[in-house]
Structures are given as structure tokens and as C-alpha cells.
Amino acid sequence: MGLAGSKLFSIGITSLTTSKLVKVKIGNYPENTLAEARLKLQKLKQLRRRGRCPATEAREQKQQEREQEQELKQERLESV
């Protein structure tokens, strides 16, 4: 349970790059049901078995999204 009383599905995974335990967010309750969280957990475990780190991939995806947002903002500013 979070500080504000929110419920969160997450998993602790050992990072392949740092060998430290990292927490990967699966989803919030009630936006995600327990069944949906279990399916996402299975997918994360499959990634891990293939030698890929879900935490690193999630971090890289967020970074790409931020960069795309910044590019869009820059284009909007230039067009004004």
C-alpha cells in the first residue's frame, strides 16, 4: 500500500546491469485487476528468462517518451 493508501502491484527483480534489487511497477489497483497484474507479471518473468532486464527496458522506454515530448514541444515553439 502506498503512502496515500493507494494499492500497487510490483515485483522486485535483480538488475542484470547493476546486480541490485530494483522494483518494477506492474500497475495500480483498481485500474488494473489482479488477473491483469498476473498476466503482466508473467510477461516480465519471460523477459527476464530471455536475459533482458524489465527495469532497464522500462527506464529506456520512459526516456524515449520524454525525448519525443520534448521534440513535440520544440516543434510547437518553432511554429509559433
C-alpha atoms as a PDB file:
ATOM      1  CA  MET A   1       0.000   0.000   0.000  1.00  0.00           C
ATOM      2  CA  GLY A   2       1.306   3.452  -0.889  1.00  0.00           C
ATOM      3  CA  LEU A   3       1.643   6.422   1.434  1.00  0.00           C
ATOM      4  CA  ALA A   4      -1.725   7.828   0.427  1.00  0.00           C
ATOM      5  CA  GLY A   5      -3.441   4.459   0.807  1.00  0.00           C
ATOM      6  CA  SER A   6      -3.160   3.517  -2.875  1.00  0.00           C
ATOM      7  CA  LYS A   7      -2.515  -0.098  -3.770  1.00  0.00           C
ATOM      8  CA  LEU A   8       0.223  -1.005  -6.208  1.00  0.00           C
ATOM      9  CA  PHE A   9       1.223  -4.221  -7.960  1.00  0.00           C
ATOM     10  CA  SER A  10       5.006  -4.518  -8.257  1.00  0.00           C
ATOM     11  CA  ILE A  11       7.821  -7.049  -8.445  1.00  0.00           C
ATOM     12  CA  GLY A  12      11.381  -6.965  -7.169  1.00  0.00           C
ATOM     13  CA  ILE A  13      13.926  -8.012  -9.797  1.00  0.00           C
ATOM     14  CA  THR A  14      17.711  -8.170  -9.627  1.00  0.00           C
ATOM     15  CA  SER A  15      19.098  -5.852 -12.295  1.00  0.00           C
ATOM     16  CA  LEU A  16      21.381  -7.514 -14.820  1.00  0.00           C
ATOM     17  CA  THR A  17      23.490  -4.372 -15.157  1.00  0.00           C
ATOM     18  CA  THR A  18      23.913  -3.356 -11.500  1.00  0.00           C
ATOM     19  CA  SER A  19      23.119  -6.640  -9.693  1.00  0.00           C
ATOM     20  CA  LYS A  20      20.912  -4.651  -7.326  1.00  0.00           C
ATOM     21  CA  LEU A  21      17.311  -5.320  -6.433  1.00  0.00           C
ATOM     22  CA  VAL A  22      15.010  -2.955  -8.320  1.00  0.00           C
ATOM     23  CA  LYS A  23      11.266  -2.546  -8.002  1.00  0.00           C
ATOM     24  CA  VAL A  24       9.260  -2.736 -11.231  1.00  0.00           C
ATOM     25  CA  LYS A  25       5.761  -1.296 -11.148  1.00  0.00           C
ATOM     26  CA  ILE A  26       3.138  -3.560 -12.694  1.00  0.00           C
ATOM     27  CA  GLY A  27       0.093  -1.363 -12.148  1.00  0.00           C
ATOM     28  CA  ASN A  28      -2.278   0.315  -9.722  1.00  0.00           C
ATOM     29  CA  TYR A  29      -5.391  -1.168  -8.191  1.00  0.00           C
ATOM     30  CA  PRO A  30      -8.283  -0.801  -9.164  1.00  0.00           C
ATOM     31  CA  GLU A  31      -7.178   0.453 -12.625  1.00  0.00           C
ATOM     32  CA  ASN A  32      -5.596  -2.975 -13.108  1.00  0.00           C
ATOM     33  CA  THR A  33      -7.276  -6.096 -11.826  1.00  0.00           C
ATOM     34  CA  LEU A  34      -5.377  -8.877 -10.097  1.00  0.00           C
ATOM     35  CA  ALA A  35      -5.767 -11.023 -13.234  1.00  0.00           C
ATOM     36  CA  GLU A  36      -4.232  -8.274 -15.405  1.00  0.00           C
ATOM     37  CA  ALA A  37      -1.363  -7.841 -12.944  1.00  0.00           C
ATOM     38  CA  ARG A  38      -0.670 -11.567 -13.042  1.00  0.00           C
ATOM     39  CA  LEU A  39      -0.525 -11.513 -16.867  1.00  0.00           C
ATOM     40  CA  LYS A  40       1.906  -8.587 -16.805  1.00  0.00           C
ATOM     41  CA  LEU A  41       3.974 -10.432 -14.192  1.00  0.00           C
ATOM     42  CA  GLN A  42       4.216 -13.477 -16.466  1.00  0.00           C
ATOM     43  CA  LYS A  43       5.410 -11.260 -19.329  1.00  0.00           C
ATOM     44  CA  LEU A  44       8.047  -9.661 -17.105  1.00  0.00           C
ATOM     45  CA  LYS A  45       9.267 -13.073 -15.989  1.00  0.00           C
ATOM     46  CA  GLN A  46       9.505 -14.217 -19.620  1.00  0.00           C
ATOM     47  CA  LEU A  47      11.634 -11.156 -20.443  1.00  0.00           C
ATOM     48  CA  ARG A  48      13.890 -11.983 -17.523  1.00  0.00           C
ATOM     49  CA  ARG A  49      14.309 -15.591 -18.645  1.00  0.00           C
ATOM     50  CA  ARG A  50      15.416 -14.305 -22.063  1.00  0.00           C
ATOM     51  CA  GLY A  51      18.188 -12.352 -20.377  1.00  0.00           C
ATOM     52  CA  ARG A  52      16.542  -8.949 -20.657  1.00  0.00           C
ATOM     53  CA  CYS A  53      16.027  -6.617 -17.700  1.00  0.00           C
ATOM     54  CA  PRO A  54      12.436  -5.300 -17.454  1.00  0.00           C
ATOM     55  CA  ALA A  55      13.520  -2.423 -15.193  1.00  0.00           C
ATOM     56  CA  THR A  56      16.133  -1.208 -17.667  1.00  0.00           C
ATOM     57  CA  GLU A  57      13.748  -1.525 -20.595  1.00  0.00           C
ATOM     58  CA  ALA A  58      11.030   0.401 -18.736  1.00  0.00           C
ATOM     59  CA  ARG A  59      13.519   3.153 -17.881  1.00  0.00           C
ATOM     60  CA  GLU A  60      14.676   3.376 -21.516  1.00  0.00           C
ATOM     61  CA  GLN A  61      11.081   3.498 -22.760  1.00  0.00           C
ATOM     62  CA  LYS A  62      10.265   6.365 -20.377  1.00  0.00           C
ATOM     63  CA  GLN A  63      13.362   8.223 -21.559  1.00  0.00           C
ATOM     64  CA  GLN A  64      12.310   7.814 -25.202  1.00  0.00           C
ATOM     65  CA  GLU A  65       8.819   9.101 -24.383  1.00  0.00           C
ATOM     66  CA  ARG A  66      10.297  12.150 -22.636  1.00  0.00           C
ATOM     67  CA  GLU A  67      12.531  12.875 -25.625  1.00  0.00           C
ATOM     68  CA  GLN A  68       9.575  12.624 -28.016  1.00  0.00           C
ATOM     69  CA  GLU A  69       7.547  15.001 -25.832  1.00  0.00           C
ATOM     70  CA  GLN A  70      10.414  17.490 -25.796  1.00  0.00           C
ATOM     71  CA  GLU A  71      10.719  17.301 -29.583  1.00  0.00           C
ATOM     72  CA  LEU A  72       6.981  17.976 -29.953  1.00  0.00           C
ATOM     73  CA  LYS A  73       7.202  20.952 -27.595  1.00  0.00           C
ATOM     74  CA  GLN A  74      10.190  22.293 -29.525  1.00  0.00           C
ATOM     75  CA  GLU A  75       8.335  21.931 -32.848  1.00  0.00           C
ATOM     76  CA  ARG A  76       5.317  23.761 -31.428  1.00  0.00           C
ATOM     77  CA  LEU A  77       7.510  26.599 -30.183  1.00  0.00           C
ATOM     78  CA  GLU A  78       9.244  26.896 -33.542  1.00  0.00           C
ATOM     79  CA  SER A  79       5.947  27.002 -35.438  1.00  0.00           C
ATOM     80  CA  VAL A  80       4.616  29.900 -33.334  1.00  0.00           C
END
